[in-house]
PDB file of N, CA and C in Angstrom:
ATOM      1  N   MET A   1      -5.203 -53.956  52.299  1.00  0.00           N
ATOM      2  CA  MET A   1      -5.681 -53.132  53.381  1.00  0.00           C
ATOM      3  C   MET A   1      -7.033 -52.534  52.996  1.00  0.00           C
ATOM      4  N   LYS A   2      -8.001 -52.696  53.853  1.00  0.00           N
ATOM      5  CA  LYS A   2      -9.344 -52.190  53.608  1.00  0.00           C
ATOM      6  C   LYS A   2      -9.434 -50.745  54.077  1.00  0.00           C
ATOM      7  N   THR A   3      -9.920 -49.883  53.179  1.00  0.00           N
ATOM      8  CA  THR A   3     -10.085 -48.486  53.562  1.00  0.00           C
ATOM      9  C   THR A   3     -11.514 -48.256  54.037  1.00  0.00           C
ATOM     10  N   MET A   4     -11.640 -47.403  55.035  1.00  0.00           N
ATOM     11  CA  MET A   4     -12.945 -47.087  55.587  1.00  0.00           C
ATOM     12  C   MET A   4     -13.585 -45.974  54.762  1.00  0.00           C
ATOM     13  N   LYS A   5     -14.867 -46.141  54.489  1.00  0.00           N
ATOM     14  CA  LYS A   5     -15.598 -45.069  53.828  1.00  0.00           C
ATOM     15  C   LYS A   5     -15.823 -43.956  54.839  1.00  0.00           C
ATOM     16  N   PRO A   6     -15.762 -42.713  54.394  1.00  0.00           N
ATOM     17  CA  PRO A   6     -16.064 -41.626  55.326  1.00  0.00           C
ATOM     18  C   PRO A   6     -17.534 -41.712  55.746  1.00  0.00           C
ATOM     19  N   THR A   7     -17.802 -41.265  56.949  1.00  0.00           N
ATOM     20  CA  THR A   7     -19.181 -41.251  57.419  1.00  0.00           C
ATOM     21  C   THR A   7     -19.696 -39.825  57.470  1.00  0.00           C
ATOM     22  N   LYS A   8     -21.006 -39.742  57.435  1.00  0.00           N
ATOM     23  CA  LYS A   8     -21.703 -38.467  57.542  1.00  0.00           C
ATOM     24  C   LYS A   8     -22.837 -38.677  58.525  1.00  0.00           C
ATOM     25  N   THR A   9     -23.296 -37.607  59.122  1.00  0.00           N
ATOM     26  CA  THR A   9     -24.425 -37.698  60.043  1.00  0.00           C
ATOM     27  C   THR A   9     -25.600 -36.937  59.463  1.00  0.00           C
ATOM     28  N   MET A  10     -26.707 -37.647  59.302  1.00  0.00           N
ATOM     29  CA  MET A  10     -27.950 -37.058  58.821  1.00  0.00           C
ATOM     30  C   MET A  10     -28.976 -37.233  59.931  1.00  0.00           C
ATOM     31  N   THR A  11     -29.705 -36.178  60.250  1.00  0.00           N
ATOM     32  CA  THR A  11     -30.630 -36.241  61.373  1.00  0.00           C
ATOM     33  C   THR A  11     -32.018 -36.714  60.960  1.00  0.00           C
ATOM     34  N   CYS A  12     -32.760 -37.120  61.969  1.00  0.00           N
ATOM     35  CA  CYS A  12     -34.163 -37.477  61.789  1.00  0.00           C
ATOM     36  C   CYS A  12     -34.895 -36.324  61.104  1.00  0.00           C
ATOM     37  N   ARG A  13     -34.644 -35.106  61.561  1.00  0.00           N
ATOM     38  CA  ARG A  13     -35.313 -33.921  60.998  1.00  0.00           C
ATOM     39  C   ARG A  13     -34.968 -33.743  59.519  1.00  0.00           C
ATOM     40  N   GLN A  14     -33.710 -33.965  59.150  1.00  0.00           N
ATOM     41  CA  GLN A  14     -33.311 -33.823  57.748  1.00  0.00           C
ATOM     42  C   GLN A  14     -33.997 -34.854  56.857  1.00  0.00           C
ATOM     43  N   LEU A  15     -34.441 -35.954  57.460  1.00  0.00           N
ATOM     44  CA  LEU A  15     -35.130 -37.000  56.713  1.00  0.00           C
ATOM     45  C   LEU A  15     -36.652 -36.924  56.890  1.00  0.00           C
ATOM     46  N   GLY A  16     -37.136 -35.804  57.427  1.00  0.00           N
ATOM     47  CA  GLY A  16     -38.566 -35.587  57.533  1.00  0.00           C
ATOM     48  C   GLY A  16     -39.178 -35.849  58.895  1.00  0.00           C
ATOM     49  N   GLY A  17     -38.358 -36.179  59.877  1.00  0.00           N
ATOM     50  CA  GLY A  17     -38.861 -36.444  61.219  1.00  0.00           C
ATOM     51  C   GLY A  17     -38.846 -35.221  62.100  1.00  0.00           C
ATOM     52  N   PRO A  18     -39.272 -35.384  63.360  1.00  0.00           N
ATOM     53  CA  PRO A  18     -39.399 -34.235  64.253  1.00  0.00           C
ATOM     54  C   PRO A  18     -38.232 -33.980  65.204  1.00  0.00           C
ATOM     55  N   CYS A  19     -37.169 -34.800  65.165  1.00  0.00           N
ATOM     56  CA  CYS A  19     -36.107 -34.611  66.157  1.00  0.00           C
ATOM     57  C   CYS A  19     -34.733 -34.536  65.513  1.00  0.00           C
ATOM     58  N   ASP A  20     -33.735 -34.296  66.340  1.00  0.00           N
ATOM     59  CA  ASP A  20     -32.367 -34.145  65.852  1.00  0.00           C
ATOM     60  C   ASP A  20     -31.495 -35.373  66.114  1.00  0.00           C
ATOM     61  N   HIS A  21     -32.130 -36.532  66.283  1.00  0.00           N
ATOM     62  CA  HIS A  21     -31.376 -37.775  66.455  1.00  0.00           C
ATOM     63  C   HIS A  21     -30.528 -37.985  65.202  1.00  0.00           C
ATOM     64  N   GLY A  22     -29.234 -38.237  65.391  1.00  0.00           N
ATOM     65  CA  GLY A  22     -28.328 -38.379  64.256  1.00  0.00           C
ATOM     66  C   GLY A  22     -28.122 -39.816  63.828  1.00  0.00           C
ATOM     67  N   HIS A  23     -28.108 -40.020  62.520  1.00  0.00           N
ATOM     68  CA  HIS A  23     -27.787 -41.322  61.933  1.00  0.00           C
ATOM     69  C   HIS A  23     -26.421 -41.178  61.268  1.00  0.00           C
ATOM     70  N   ARG A  24     -25.404 -41.802  61.845  1.00  0.00           N
ATOM     71  CA  ARG A  24     -24.041 -41.697  61.313  1.00  0.00           C
ATOM     72  C   ARG A  24     -23.793 -42.908  60.422  1.00  0.00           C
ATOM     73  N   THR A  25     -23.725 -42.672  59.121  1.00  0.00           N
ATOM     74  CA  THR A  25     -23.618 -43.760  58.151  1.00  0.00           C
ATOM     75  C   THR A  25     -22.656 -43.385  57.029  1.00  0.00           C
ATOM     76  N   SER A  26     -22.371 -44.373  56.189  1.00  0.00           N
ATOM     77  CA  SER A  26     -21.488 -44.145  55.047  1.00  0.00           C
ATOM     78  C   SER A  26     -22.246 -43.829  53.767  1.00  0.00           C
ATOM     79  N   THR A  27     -23.526 -44.186  53.717  1.00  0.00           N
ATOM     80  CA  THR A  27     -24.316 -43.948  52.504  1.00  0.00           C
ATOM     81  C   THR A  27     -25.691 -43.394  52.856  1.00  0.00           C
ATOM     82  N   ALA A  28     -26.312 -42.768  51.875  1.00  0.00           N
ATOM     83  CA  ALA A  28     -27.675 -42.263  52.061  1.00  0.00           C
ATOM     84  C   ALA A  28     -28.638 -43.414  52.312  1.00  0.00           C
ATOM     85  N   ASP A  29     -28.444 -44.531  51.610  1.00  0.00           N
ATOM     86  CA  ASP A  29     -29.336 -45.678  51.810  1.00  0.00           C
ATOM     87  C   ASP A  29     -29.272 -46.186  53.250  1.00  0.00           C
ATOM     88  N   GLU A  30     -28.082 -46.208  53.826  1.00  0.00           N
ATOM     89  CA  GLU A  30     -27.947 -46.628  55.224  1.00  0.00           C
ATOM     90  C   GLU A  30     -28.651 -45.639  56.151  1.00  0.00           C
ATOM     91  N   ALA A  31     -28.565 -44.346  55.848  1.00  0.00           N
ATOM     92  CA  ALA A  31     -29.229 -43.324  56.667  1.00  0.00           C
ATOM     93  C   ALA A  31     -30.749 -43.481  56.596  1.00  0.00           C
ATOM     94  N   ILE A  32     -31.267 -43.762  55.410  1.00  0.00           N
ATOM     95  CA  ILE A  32     -32.710 -43.948  55.239  1.00  0.00           C
ATOM     96  C   ILE A  32     -33.179 -45.186  56.004  1.00  0.00           C
ATOM     97  N   LYS A  33     -32.406 -46.264  55.935  1.00  0.00           N
ATOM     98  CA  LYS A  33     -32.759 -47.482  56.686  1.00  0.00           C
ATOM     99  C   LYS A  33     -32.689 -47.226  58.188  1.00  0.00           C
ATOM    100  N   ALA A  34     -31.691 -46.464  58.632  1.00  0.00           N
ATOM    101  CA  ALA A  34     -31.574 -46.132  60.054  1.00  0.00           C
ATOM    102  C   ALA A  34     -32.759 -45.278  60.491  1.00  0.00           C
ATOM    103  N   GLN A  35     -33.193 -44.362  59.626  1.00  0.00           N
ATOM    104  CA  GLN A  35     -34.352 -43.522  59.936  1.00  0.00           C
ATOM    105  C   GLN A  35     -35.607 -44.385  60.065  1.00  0.00           C
ATOM    106  N   ASP A  36     -35.769 -45.348  59.186  1.00  0.00           N
ATOM    107  CA  ASP A  36     -36.922 -46.243  59.250  1.00  0.00           C
ATOM    108  C   ASP A  36     -36.931 -47.004  60.575  1.00  0.00           C
ATOM    109  N   ARG A  37     -35.779 -47.535  60.968  1.00  0.00           N
ATOM    110  CA  ARG A  37     -35.682 -48.244  62.256  1.00  0.00           C
ATOM    111  C   ARG A  37     -35.979 -47.299  63.419  1.00  0.00           C
ATOM    112  N   HIS A  38     -35.404 -46.090  63.372  1.00  0.00           N
ATOM    113  CA  HIS A  38     -35.610 -45.092  64.425  1.00  0.00           C
ATOM    114  C   HIS A  38     -37.094 -44.775  64.576  1.00  0.00           C
ATOM    115  N   LEU A  39     -37.751 -44.479  63.463  1.00  0.00           N
ATOM    116  CA  LEU A  39     -39.172 -44.135  63.522  1.00  0.00           C
ATOM    117  C   LEU A  39     -39.994 -45.282  64.094  1.00  0.00           C
ATOM    118  N   ASN A  40     -39.747 -46.495  63.614  1.00  0.00           N
ATOM    119  CA  ASN A  40     -40.491 -47.652  64.113  1.00  0.00           C
ATOM    120  C   ASN A  40     -40.270 -47.858  65.605  1.00  0.00           C
ATOM    121  N   GLU A  41     -39.025 -47.731  66.053  1.00  0.00           N
ATOM    122  CA  GLU A  41     -38.704 -47.950  67.468  1.00  0.00           C
ATOM    123  C   GLU A  41     -39.355 -46.915  68.378  1.00  0.00           C
ATOM    124  N   VAL A  42     -39.250 -45.641  68.021  1.00  0.00           N
ATOM    125  CA  VAL A  42     -39.775 -44.621  68.926  1.00  0.00           C
ATOM    126  C   VAL A  42     -41.301 -44.588  68.921  1.00  0.00           C
ATOM    127  N   VAL A  43     -41.912 -44.861  67.778  1.00  0.00           N
ATOM    128  CA  VAL A  43     -43.372 -44.912  67.737  1.00  0.00           C
ATOM    129  C   VAL A  43     -43.869 -46.117  68.538  1.00  0.00           C
ATOM    130  N   ALA A  44     -43.188 -47.259  68.406  1.00  0.00           N
ATOM    131  CA  ALA A  44     -43.566 -48.447  69.182  1.00  0.00           C
ATOM    132  C   ALA A  44     -43.436 -48.195  70.681  1.00  0.00           C
ATOM    133  N   ALA A  45     -42.505 -47.310  71.048  1.00  0.00           N
ATOM    134  CA  ALA A  45     -42.309 -46.967  72.463  1.00  0.00           C
ATOM    135  C   ALA A  45     -43.298 -45.898  72.930  1.00  0.00           C
ATOM    136  N   GLY A  46     -44.180 -45.450  72.045  1.00  0.00           N
ATOM    137  CA  GLY A  46     -45.212 -44.507  72.441  1.00  0.00           C
ATOM    138  C   GLY A  46     -44.972 -43.053  72.062  1.00  0.00           C
ATOM    139  N   ASP A  47     -43.961 -42.765  71.257  1.00  0.00           N
ATOM    140  CA  ASP A  47     -43.656 -41.383  70.873  1.00  0.00           C
ATOM    141  C   ASP A  47     -44.593 -40.932  69.757  1.00  0.00           C
ATOM    142  N   ALA A  48     -45.620 -40.197  70.113  1.00  0.00           N
ATOM    143  CA  ALA A  48     -46.617 -39.738  69.141  1.00  0.00           C
ATOM    144  C   ALA A  48     -46.043 -38.702  68.172  1.00  0.00           C
ATOM    145  N   ALA A  49     -45.028 -37.961  68.600  1.00  0.00           N
ATOM    146  CA  ALA A  49     -44.448 -36.921  67.743  1.00  0.00           C
ATOM    147  C   ALA A  49     -43.849 -37.513  66.464  1.00  0.00           C
ATOM    148  N   HIS A  50     -43.410 -38.759  66.508  1.00  0.00           N
ATOM    149  CA  HIS A  50     -42.814 -39.402  65.345  1.00  0.00           C
ATOM    150  C   HIS A  50     -43.832 -40.159  64.492  1.00  0.00           C
ATOM    151  N   ALA A  51     -45.051 -40.326  64.989  1.00  0.00           N
ATOM    152  CA  ALA A  51     -46.054 -41.129  64.286  1.00  0.00           C
ATOM    153  C   ALA A  51     -46.358 -40.567  62.900  1.00  0.00           C
ATOM    154  N   GLU A  52     -46.465 -39.253  62.785  1.00  0.00           N
ATOM    155  CA  GLU A  52     -46.761 -38.640  61.488  1.00  0.00           C
ATOM    156  C   GLU A  52     -45.624 -38.893  60.500  1.00  0.00           C
ATOM    157  N   ALA A  53     -44.384 -38.785  60.953  1.00  0.00           N
ATOM    158  CA  ALA A  53     -43.230 -39.028  60.077  1.00  0.00           C
ATOM    159  C   ALA A  53     -43.184 -40.492  59.641  1.00  0.00           C
ATOM    160  N   LEU A  54     -43.525 -41.408  60.547  1.00  0.00           N
ATOM    161  CA  LEU A  54     -43.555 -42.831  60.193  1.00  0.00           C
ATOM    162  C   LEU A  54     -44.628 -43.088  59.145  1.00  0.00           C
ATOM    163  N   LYS A  55     -45.800 -42.494  59.327  1.00  0.00           N
ATOM    164  CA  LYS A  55     -46.883 -42.659  58.351  1.00  0.00           C
ATOM    165  C   LYS A  55     -46.457 -42.096  56.998  1.00  0.00           C
ATOM    166  N   ALA A  56     -45.817 -40.930  56.998  1.00  0.00           N
ATOM    167  CA  ALA A  56     -45.360 -40.322  55.743  1.00  0.00           C
ATOM    168  C   ALA A  56     -44.342 -41.213  55.048  1.00  0.00           C
ATOM    169  N   MET A  57     -43.442 -41.830  55.830  1.00  0.00           N
ATOM    170  CA  MET A  57     -42.444 -42.709  55.228  1.00  0.00           C
ATOM    171  C   MET A  57     -43.117 -43.921  54.587  1.00  0.00           C
ATOM    172  N   LYS A  58     -44.074 -44.508  55.285  1.00  0.00           N
ATOM    173  CA  LYS A  58     -44.783 -45.671  54.729  1.00  0.00           C
ATOM    174  C   LYS A  58     -45.612 -45.273  53.505  1.00  0.00           C
ATOM    175  N   ASP A  59     -46.237 -44.109  53.553  1.00  0.00           N
ATOM    176  CA  ASP A  59     -47.080 -43.659  52.447  1.00  0.00           C
ATOM    177  C   ASP A  59     -46.279 -43.315  51.195  1.00  0.00           C
ATOM    178  N   ARG A  60     -45.012 -42.934  51.355  1.00  0.00           N
ATOM    179  CA  ARG A  60     -44.184 -42.589  50.184  1.00  0.00           C
ATOM    180  C   ARG A  60     -44.139 -43.729  49.185  1.00  0.00           C
ATOM    181  N   TRP A  61     -44.107 -44.927  49.676  1.00  0.00           N
ATOM    182  CA  TRP A  61     -43.939 -46.074  48.788  1.00  0.00           C
ATOM    183  C   TRP A  61     -45.263 -46.523  48.180  1.00  0.00           C
ATOM    184  N   LYS A  62     -46.371 -45.908  48.617  1.00  0.00           N
ATOM    185  CA  LYS A  62     -47.663 -46.148  47.971  1.00  0.00           C
ATOM    186  C   LYS A  62     -47.792 -45.304  46.712  1.00  0.00           C
ATOM    187  N   ARG A  63     -46.987 -44.240  46.627  1.00  0.00           N
ATOM    188  CA  ARG A  63     -46.950 -43.366  45.453  1.00  0.00           C
ATOM    189  C   ARG A  63     -45.508 -43.376  44.939  1.00  0.00           C
ATOM    190  N   PRO A  64     -45.165 -44.377  44.126  1.00  0.00           N
ATOM    191  CA  PRO A  64     -43.759 -44.592  43.737  1.00  0.00           C
ATOM    192  C   PRO A  64     -43.071 -43.400  43.081  1.00  0.00           C
ATOM    193  N   ILE A  65     -43.758 -42.650  42.256  1.00  0.00           N
ATOM    194  CA  ILE A  65     -43.100 -41.524  41.578  1.00  0.00           C
ATOM    195  C   ILE A  65     -42.737 -40.447  42.596  1.00  0.00           C
ATOM    196  N   ALA A  66     -43.681 -40.082  43.449  1.00  0.00           N
ATOM    197  CA  ALA A  66     -43.400 -39.093  44.491  1.00  0.00           C
ATOM    198  C   ALA A  66     -42.356 -39.631  45.470  1.00  0.00           C
ATOM    199  N   GLY A  67     -42.450 -40.913  45.808  1.00  0.00           N
ATOM    200  CA  GLY A  67     -41.482 -41.536  46.713  1.00  0.00           C
ATOM    201  C   GLY A  67     -40.072 -41.494  46.154  1.00  0.00           C
ATOM    202  N   MET A  68     -39.941 -41.722  44.851  1.00  0.00           N
ATOM    203  CA  MET A  68     -38.612 -41.673  44.236  1.00  0.00           C
ATOM    204  C   MET A  68     -38.068 -40.246  44.229  1.00  0.00           C
ATOM    205  N   GLY A  69     -38.938 -39.267  44.109  1.00  0.00           N
ATOM    206  CA  GLY A  69     -38.492 -37.870  44.187  1.00  0.00           C
ATOM    207  C   GLY A  69     -37.915 -37.579  45.560  1.00  0.00           C
ATOM    208  N   TRP A  70     -38.606 -38.039  46.619  1.00  0.00           N
ATOM    209  CA  TRP A  70     -38.108 -37.856  47.984  1.00  0.00           C
ATOM    210  C   TRP A  70     -36.771 -38.574  48.154  1.00  0.00           C
ATOM    211  N   TYR A  71     -36.689 -39.803  47.634  1.00  0.00           N
ATOM    212  CA  TYR A  71     -35.482 -40.614  47.756  1.00  0.00           C
ATOM    213  C   TYR A  71     -34.292 -39.932  47.072  1.00  0.00           C
ATOM    214  N   ARG A  72     -34.496 -39.451  45.870  1.00  0.00           N
ATOM    215  CA  ARG A  72     -33.405 -38.773  45.151  1.00  0.00           C
ATOM    216  C   ARG A  72     -32.948 -37.521  45.898  1.00  0.00           C
ATOM    217  N   GLN A  73     -33.917 -36.772  46.454  1.00  0.00           N
ATOM    218  CA  GLN A  73     -33.562 -35.570  47.210  1.00  0.00           C
ATOM    219  C   GLN A  73     -32.778 -35.932  48.467  1.00  0.00           C
ATOM    220  N   ALA A  74     -33.190 -36.993  49.156  1.00  0.00           N
ATOM    221  CA  ALA A  74     -32.472 -37.431  50.363  1.00  0.00           C
ATOM    222  C   ALA A  74     -31.037 -37.823  50.006  1.00  0.00           C
ATOM    223  N   LYS A  75     -30.847 -38.486  48.861  1.00  0.00           N
ATOM    224  CA  LYS A  75     -29.499 -38.858  48.427  1.00  0.00           C
ATOM    225  C   LYS A  75     -28.660 -37.618  48.119  1.00  0.00           C
ATOM    226  N   ARG A  76     -29.263 -36.622  47.478  1.00  0.00           N
ATOM    227  CA  ARG A  76     -28.534 -35.359  47.191  1.00  0.00           C
ATOM    228  C   ARG A  76     -28.186 -34.650  48.485  1.00  0.00           C
ATOM    229  N   ASP A  77     -29.142 -34.598  49.402  1.00  0.00           N
ATOM    230  CA  ASP A  77     -28.893 -33.937  50.691  1.00  0.00           C
ATOM    231  C   ASP A  77     -27.776 -34.630  51.452  1.00  0.00           C
ATOM    232  N   PHE A  78     -27.750 -35.956  51.425  1.00  0.00           N
ATOM    233  CA  PHE A  78     -26.696 -36.710  52.102  1.00  0.00           C
ATOM    234  C   PHE A  78     -25.343 -36.403  51.462  1.00  0.00           C
ATOM    235  N   ALA A  79     -25.310 -36.417  50.139  1.00  0.00           N
ATOM    236  CA  ALA A  79     -24.050 -36.154  49.409  1.00  0.00           C
ATOM    237  C   ALA A  79     -23.496 -34.766  49.749  1.00  0.00           C
ATOM    238  N   ALA A  80     -24.389 -33.809  50.004  1.00  0.00           N
ATOM    239  CA  ALA A  80     -23.953 -32.438  50.289  1.00  0.00           C
ATOM    240  C   ALA A  80     -23.429 -32.252  51.704  1.00  0.00           C
ATOM    241  N   LEU A  81     -23.676 -33.213  52.586  1.00  0.00           N
ATOM    242  CA  LEU A  81     -23.201 -33.100  53.968  1.00  0.00           C
ATOM    243  C   LEU A  81     -21.688 -33.214  54.044  1.00  0.00           C
ATOM    244  N   ALA A  82     -21.109 -32.553  55.011  1.00  0.00           N
ATOM    245  CA  ALA A  82     -19.666 -32.679  55.254  1.00  0.00           C
ATOM    246  C   ALA A  82     -19.387 -34.025  55.928  1.00  0.00           C
ATOM    247  N   ASP A  83     -18.236 -34.582  55.633  1.00  0.00           N
ATOM    248  CA  ASP A  83     -17.826 -35.825  56.323  1.00  0.00           C
ATOM    249  C   ASP A  83     -17.652 -35.542  57.802  1.00  0.00           C
ATOM    250  N   ASP A  84     -17.943 -36.558  58.633  1.00  0.00           N
ATOM    251  CA  ASP A  84     -17.746 -36.445  60.078  1.00  0.00           C
ATOM    252  C   ASP A  84     -16.278 -36.413  60.417  1.00  0.00           C
TER     253      ASP A  84
END
């Protein structure tokens, strides 16, 4: 019997974005990937409010040490969330 991992909801704002759109996932990595998709989709649809957050996400990986600091913090923040 396969057991389901508990899920947690992390918002766009908690991941550095401007809105409260929730990403309901089982891991921090899934939440970060969902945030990347969310930012790309809404900016492509013309949402200027998310453009700065998308640029910041892309720029994080140009500075790997700082990017890893953000990544580790996002993982800690996800771990601290209550299960849904």
